Amino acid sequence: MKEIENIGNEFDKLNNYCNKIMPKKEDNILKIADKIIFERAEEKEREYGPINESISKAALIASELCNKDISTEDFYKCMIALKISRMAYNIKKDTMVDCVAYIAALENYKNNKNEL
C-alpha cells in the first residue's frame, strides 16, 4: 500500500513539473518562447547542449562549408531568416515560436557575449 502511495506522490510531482514547463494551449508565442529559452534551458542543455555553444559550432561548420567567416551572431540571424522564410508557405505556430525563441536567444547571446 505504501508503494502505491509513493508512486502516486511521484506521479503528482511529475505532473506538476510538466504543467509548469509545458506551454498551455492558450499561451501566446512569446510566453512559449520564453519558457523554451529561459525556463527550460537546463532541460534543453541536457538534450542538445547549450544553445550558444551549438550555434557557435554550427557557425564554424558553415564557415568551413562556405569558405568564409560566419559568426555566431550571423548564424542566429540565418536561423531567424529561415523561420521567417517558411512563413511564406505556411504560418504555423511552432515556426513562429521557433523564430521568437531564436530572437530571444540572440539577445541573450549578445548580452552575455563577454562572459563566453
N, C-alpha and C. Protein backbone atom coordinates (compact mmCIF):
# COMPACT_ATOMS: atom_id res chain seq x y z
N MET A 1 0.82 -1.18 0.00
CA MET A 1 0.00 0.00 0.00
C MET A 1 0.87 1.26 0.00
N LYS A 2 1.97 1.20 0.75
CA LYS A 2 2.89 2.33 0.83
C LYS A 2 3.53 2.61 -0.53
N GLU A 3 3.84 1.54 -1.29
CA GLU A 3 4.43 1.71 -2.62
C GLU A 3 3.48 2.44 -3.56
N ILE A 4 2.21 2.11 -3.49
CA ILE A 4 1.22 2.77 -4.34
C ILE A 4 1.13 4.25 -3.97
N GLU A 5 1.18 4.55 -2.68
CA GLU A 5 1.15 5.94 -2.23
C GLU A 5 2.38 6.70 -2.73
N ASN A 6 3.56 6.05 -2.67
CA ASN A 6 4.80 6.67 -3.15
C ASN A 6 4.74 6.92 -4.65
N ILE A 7 4.21 5.96 -5.39
CA ILE A 7 4.07 6.12 -6.84
C ILE A 7 3.13 7.28 -7.14
N GLY A 8 2.04 7.36 -6.39
CA GLY A 8 1.09 8.46 -6.56
C GLY A 8 1.74 9.81 -6.30
N ASN A 9 2.56 9.89 -5.25
CA ASN A 9 3.26 11.13 -4.93
C ASN A 9 4.25 11.51 -6.03
N GLU A 10 4.98 10.53 -6.54
CA GLU A 10 5.94 10.80 -7.62
C GLU A 10 5.21 11.23 -8.89
N PHE A 11 4.07 10.60 -9.17
CA PHE A 11 3.28 10.99 -10.33
C PHE A 11 2.81 12.44 -10.18
N ASP A 12 2.34 12.81 -9.00
CA ASP A 12 1.89 14.18 -8.76
C ASP A 12 3.03 15.18 -8.96
N LYS A 13 4.22 14.84 -8.47
CA LYS A 13 5.38 15.73 -8.66
C LYS A 13 5.70 15.89 -10.14
N LEU A 14 5.70 14.78 -10.86
CA LEU A 14 5.99 14.83 -12.29
C LEU A 14 4.92 15.62 -13.04
N ASN A 15 3.68 15.40 -12.70
CA ASN A 15 2.57 16.11 -13.34
C ASN A 15 2.68 17.61 -13.07
N ASN A 16 2.98 18.00 -11.85
CA ASN A 16 3.15 19.42 -11.52
C ASN A 16 4.30 20.03 -12.30
N TYR A 17 5.40 19.30 -12.40
CA TYR A 17 6.56 19.79 -13.16
C TYR A 17 6.19 19.98 -14.63
N CYS A 18 5.53 18.99 -15.22
CA CYS A 18 5.13 19.09 -16.63
C CYS A 18 4.18 20.26 -16.86
N ASN A 19 3.23 20.44 -15.95
CA ASN A 19 2.30 21.56 -16.08
C ASN A 19 3.02 22.90 -16.01
N LYS A 20 4.09 22.94 -15.23
CA LYS A 20 4.85 24.18 -15.08
C LYS A 20 5.63 24.53 -16.35
N ILE A 21 6.27 23.53 -16.96
CA ILE A 21 7.15 23.83 -18.09
C ILE A 21 6.50 23.71 -19.45
N MET A 22 5.42 22.96 -19.55
CA MET A 22 4.79 22.77 -20.85
C MET A 22 3.86 23.95 -21.14
N PRO A 23 3.92 24.47 -22.36
CA PRO A 23 3.04 25.58 -22.68
C PRO A 23 1.57 25.14 -22.66
N LYS A 24 0.74 26.03 -22.18
CA LYS A 24 -0.69 25.77 -22.21
C LYS A 24 -1.20 26.16 -23.58
N LYS A 25 -2.28 25.55 -23.99
CA LYS A 25 -2.83 25.81 -25.32
C LYS A 25 -3.10 27.29 -25.52
N GLU A 26 -3.52 27.99 -24.47
CA GLU A 26 -3.85 29.39 -24.62
C GLU A 26 -2.63 30.31 -24.54
N ASP A 27 -1.44 29.77 -24.18
CA ASP A 27 -0.24 30.60 -24.13
C ASP A 27 0.08 31.17 -25.51
N ASN A 28 0.49 32.43 -25.53
CA ASN A 28 0.88 33.01 -26.80
C ASN A 28 2.33 32.64 -27.12
N ILE A 29 2.76 32.94 -28.33
CA ILE A 29 4.09 32.50 -28.77
C ILE A 29 5.21 33.11 -27.94
N LEU A 30 5.01 34.31 -27.42
CA LEU A 30 6.06 34.95 -26.61
C LEU A 30 6.25 34.20 -25.29
N LYS A 31 5.16 33.80 -24.66
CA LYS A 31 5.26 33.03 -23.41
C LYS A 31 5.90 31.67 -23.65
N ILE A 32 5.52 31.04 -24.74
CA ILE A 32 6.08 29.71 -25.05
C ILE A 32 7.57 29.82 -25.33
N ALA A 33 7.97 30.82 -26.13
CA ALA A 33 9.39 31.01 -26.44
C ALA A 33 10.18 31.31 -25.18
N ASP A 34 9.62 32.11 -24.29
CA ASP A 34 10.28 32.42 -23.02
C ASP A 34 10.52 31.15 -22.22
N LYS A 35 9.51 30.28 -22.16
CA LYS A 35 9.66 29.01 -21.43
C LYS A 35 10.76 28.15 -22.05
N ILE A 36 10.80 28.12 -23.38
CA ILE A 36 11.80 27.29 -24.07
C ILE A 36 13.21 27.79 -23.80
N ILE A 37 13.42 29.09 -23.98
CA ILE A 37 14.77 29.65 -23.89
C ILE A 37 15.24 29.83 -22.46
N PHE A 38 14.35 30.30 -21.59
CA PHE A 38 14.80 30.68 -20.25
C PHE A 38 14.39 29.70 -19.15
N GLU A 39 13.18 29.19 -19.17
CA GLU A 39 12.75 28.30 -18.09
C GLU A 39 13.18 26.86 -18.31
N ARG A 40 13.26 26.44 -19.56
CA ARG A 40 13.61 25.05 -19.84
C ARG A 40 15.04 24.92 -20.34
N ALA A 41 15.85 25.96 -20.16
CA ALA A 41 17.22 25.96 -20.68
C ALA A 41 18.02 24.77 -20.19
N GLU A 42 17.92 24.46 -18.90
CA GLU A 42 18.69 23.35 -18.34
C GLU A 42 18.28 22.03 -18.97
N GLU A 43 16.98 21.84 -19.15
CA GLU A 43 16.47 20.60 -19.78
C GLU A 43 16.97 20.50 -21.22
N LYS A 44 16.91 21.59 -21.97
CA LYS A 44 17.36 21.59 -23.36
C LYS A 44 18.86 21.36 -23.45
N GLU A 45 19.63 21.93 -22.49
CA GLU A 45 21.08 21.73 -22.49
C GLU A 45 21.44 20.26 -22.32
N ARG A 46 20.69 19.56 -21.48
CA ARG A 46 20.95 18.12 -21.31
C ARG A 46 20.67 17.37 -22.59
N GLU A 47 19.66 17.81 -23.33
CA GLU A 47 19.25 17.12 -24.55
C GLU A 47 20.13 17.51 -25.75
N TYR A 48 20.38 18.81 -25.92
CA TYR A 48 21.07 19.30 -27.12
C TYR A 48 22.38 20.03 -26.84
N GLY A 49 22.70 20.28 -25.59
CA GLY A 49 23.84 21.10 -25.25
C GLY A 49 23.41 22.55 -25.19
N PRO A 50 24.27 23.41 -24.63
CA PRO A 50 23.93 24.83 -24.53
C PRO A 50 23.70 25.44 -25.91
N ILE A 51 22.63 26.23 -26.05
CA ILE A 51 22.26 26.76 -27.36
C ILE A 51 23.37 27.61 -27.97
N ASN A 52 24.00 28.47 -27.15
CA ASN A 52 25.06 29.31 -27.71
C ASN A 52 26.23 28.48 -28.23
N GLU A 53 26.55 27.43 -27.50
CA GLU A 53 27.63 26.54 -27.93
C GLU A 53 27.26 25.81 -29.23
N SER A 54 26.03 25.35 -29.32
CA SER A 54 25.57 24.66 -30.53
C SER A 54 25.57 25.59 -31.74
N ILE A 55 25.07 26.81 -31.55
CA ILE A 55 25.03 27.77 -32.65
C ILE A 55 26.45 28.16 -33.06
N SER A 56 27.34 28.32 -32.09
CA SER A 56 28.74 28.65 -32.40
C SER A 56 29.41 27.54 -33.22
N LYS A 57 29.16 26.29 -32.83
CA LYS A 57 29.71 25.15 -33.58
C LYS A 57 29.13 25.11 -35.00
N ALA A 58 27.83 25.35 -35.10
CA ALA A 58 27.18 25.35 -36.42
C ALA A 58 27.77 26.47 -37.28
N ALA A 59 28.05 27.63 -36.67
CA ALA A 59 28.65 28.74 -37.41
C ALA A 59 30.04 28.37 -37.93
N LEU A 60 30.81 27.66 -37.12
CA LEU A 60 32.14 27.21 -37.56
C LEU A 60 32.04 26.22 -38.72
N ILE A 61 31.11 25.31 -38.63
CA ILE A 61 30.91 24.33 -39.71
C ILE A 61 30.46 25.05 -40.99
N ALA A 62 29.52 25.97 -40.85
CA ALA A 62 29.06 26.74 -42.01
C ALA A 62 30.19 27.57 -42.61
N SER A 63 31.06 28.10 -41.75
CA SER A 63 32.21 28.87 -42.23
C SER A 63 33.11 28.00 -43.10
N GLU A 64 33.34 26.78 -42.65
CA GLU A 64 34.17 25.86 -43.43
C GLU A 64 33.49 25.49 -44.75
N LEU A 65 32.20 25.21 -44.69
CA LEU A 65 31.47 24.83 -45.90
C LEU A 65 31.41 25.96 -46.93
N CYS A 66 31.29 27.19 -46.44
CA CYS A 66 31.14 28.34 -47.34
C CYS A 66 32.47 29.02 -47.65
N ASN A 67 33.52 28.59 -46.96
CA ASN A 67 34.85 29.17 -47.14
C ASN A 67 34.85 30.67 -46.86
N LYS A 68 34.10 31.06 -45.82
CA LYS A 68 34.09 32.45 -45.35
C LYS A 68 33.70 32.45 -43.89
N ASP A 69 34.03 33.54 -43.21
CA ASP A 69 33.74 33.64 -41.78
C ASP A 69 32.27 33.92 -41.55
N ILE A 70 31.62 33.04 -40.80
CA ILE A 70 30.23 33.24 -40.39
C ILE A 70 30.23 33.24 -38.86
N SER A 71 29.87 34.36 -38.30
CA SER A 71 29.91 34.50 -36.84
C SER A 71 28.70 33.80 -36.20
N THR A 72 28.79 33.62 -34.91
CA THR A 72 27.67 33.06 -34.16
C THR A 72 26.44 33.95 -34.32
N GLU A 73 26.64 35.26 -34.24
CA GLU A 73 25.53 36.19 -34.41
C GLU A 73 24.91 36.06 -35.81
N ASP A 74 25.78 35.94 -36.83
CA ASP A 74 25.29 35.75 -38.20
C ASP A 74 24.43 34.48 -38.30
N PHE A 75 24.88 33.42 -37.64
CA PHE A 75 24.15 32.15 -37.73
C PHE A 75 22.79 32.26 -37.05
N TYR A 76 22.75 32.93 -35.90
CA TYR A 76 21.44 33.17 -35.28
C TYR A 76 20.53 33.88 -36.27
N LYS A 77 21.04 34.91 -36.93
CA LYS A 77 20.24 35.68 -37.89
C LYS A 77 19.78 34.80 -39.05
N CYS A 78 20.63 33.88 -39.48
CA CYS A 78 20.23 32.94 -40.55
C CYS A 78 19.10 32.03 -40.09
N MET A 79 19.16 31.57 -38.84
CA MET A 79 18.09 30.71 -38.32
C MET A 79 16.78 31.49 -38.23
N ILE A 80 16.86 32.75 -37.82
CA ILE A 80 15.67 33.60 -37.78
C ILE A 80 15.11 33.79 -39.19
N ALA A 81 16.02 34.05 -40.15
CA ALA A 81 15.60 34.23 -41.54
C ALA A 81 14.94 32.96 -42.09
N LEU A 82 15.48 31.80 -41.76
CA LEU A 82 14.90 30.54 -42.20
C LEU A 82 13.47 30.39 -41.68
N LYS A 83 13.29 30.67 -40.40
CA LYS A 83 11.95 30.54 -39.82
C LYS A 83 10.97 31.51 -40.48
N ILE A 84 11.41 32.74 -40.74
CA ILE A 84 10.54 33.72 -41.38
C ILE A 84 10.24 33.29 -42.82
N SER A 85 11.24 32.76 -43.52
CA SER A 85 11.02 32.34 -44.91
C SER A 85 10.00 31.22 -45.01
N ARG A 86 9.94 30.36 -44.01
CA ARG A 86 8.97 29.26 -44.02
C ARG A 86 7.54 29.77 -43.94
N MET A 87 7.37 30.96 -43.35
CA MET A 87 6.03 31.52 -43.21
C MET A 87 5.44 31.95 -44.55
N ALA A 88 6.27 32.03 -45.59
CA ALA A 88 5.75 32.36 -46.91
C ALA A 88 4.87 31.22 -47.45
N TYR A 89 5.09 30.02 -46.93
CA TYR A 89 4.35 28.84 -47.40
C TYR A 89 3.27 28.40 -46.43
N ASN A 90 3.58 28.52 -45.14
CA ASN A 90 2.64 28.04 -44.14
C ASN A 90 2.97 28.71 -42.82
N ILE A 91 2.03 29.42 -42.26
CA ILE A 91 2.25 30.08 -40.97
C ILE A 91 1.75 29.13 -39.88
N LYS A 92 2.73 28.48 -39.26
CA LYS A 92 2.41 27.53 -38.19
C LYS A 92 2.90 28.10 -36.87
N LYS A 93 2.18 27.78 -35.82
CA LYS A 93 2.53 28.30 -34.51
C LYS A 93 3.95 27.90 -34.09
N ASP A 94 4.33 26.65 -34.33
CA ASP A 94 5.66 26.21 -33.90
C ASP A 94 6.77 26.95 -34.66
N THR A 95 6.53 27.34 -35.90
CA THR A 95 7.51 28.12 -36.66
C THR A 95 7.65 29.51 -36.05
N MET A 96 6.53 30.10 -35.69
CA MET A 96 6.58 31.43 -35.06
C MET A 96 7.26 31.35 -33.69
N VAL A 97 6.96 30.31 -32.93
CA VAL A 97 7.61 30.12 -31.63
C VAL A 97 9.12 29.99 -31.81
N ASP A 98 9.54 29.15 -32.76
CA ASP A 98 10.98 28.97 -33.01
C ASP A 98 11.63 30.29 -33.39
N CYS A 99 10.98 31.06 -34.24
CA CYS A 99 11.52 32.35 -34.67
C CYS A 99 11.73 33.28 -33.48
N VAL A 100 10.69 33.43 -32.67
CA VAL A 100 10.78 34.30 -31.50
C VAL A 100 11.82 33.76 -30.51
N ALA A 101 11.90 32.45 -30.37
CA ALA A 101 12.88 31.85 -29.47
C ALA A 101 14.30 32.13 -29.95
N TYR A 102 14.55 32.05 -31.27
CA TYR A 102 15.88 32.38 -31.79
C TYR A 102 16.20 33.86 -31.58
N ILE A 103 15.20 34.72 -31.71
CA ILE A 103 15.43 36.15 -31.45
C ILE A 103 15.80 36.36 -29.99
N ALA A 104 15.08 35.72 -29.08
CA ALA A 104 15.40 35.83 -27.65
C ALA A 104 16.77 35.25 -27.34
N ALA A 105 17.10 34.14 -27.97
CA ALA A 105 18.42 33.52 -27.75
C ALA A 105 19.53 34.41 -28.28
N LEU A 106 19.29 35.07 -29.41
CA LEU A 106 20.28 36.00 -29.96
C LEU A 106 20.49 37.16 -28.99
N GLU A 107 19.41 37.71 -28.47
CA GLU A 107 19.56 38.80 -27.50
C GLU A 107 20.34 38.33 -26.27
N ASN A 108 20.02 37.14 -25.78
CA ASN A 108 20.73 36.57 -24.64
C ASN A 108 22.21 36.39 -24.96
N TYR A 109 22.51 35.89 -26.16
CA TYR A 109 23.89 35.71 -26.59
C TYR A 109 24.63 37.05 -26.60
N LYS A 110 24.00 38.07 -27.20
CA LYS A 110 24.64 39.39 -27.28
C LYS A 110 24.86 40.01 -25.91
N ASN A 111 23.91 39.82 -25.00
CA ASN A 111 24.03 40.37 -23.66
C ASN A 111 25.09 39.67 -22.83
N ASN A 112 25.36 38.41 -23.14
CA ASN A 112 26.32 37.62 -22.36
C ASN A 112 27.57 37.27 -23.13
N LYS A 113 27.79 37.90 -24.29
CA LYS A 113 28.91 37.55 -25.17
C LYS A 113 30.25 37.64 -24.45
N ASN A 114 30.42 38.64 -23.63
CA ASN A 114 31.70 38.84 -22.94
C ASN A 114 31.98 37.75 -21.90
N GLU A 115 30.92 37.06 -21.47
CA GLU A 115 31.08 36.01 -20.47
C GLU A 115 31.49 34.69 -21.09
N LEU A 116 31.35 34.54 -22.42
CA LEU A 116 31.64 33.27 -23.08
C LEU A 116 33.11 33.06 -23.27
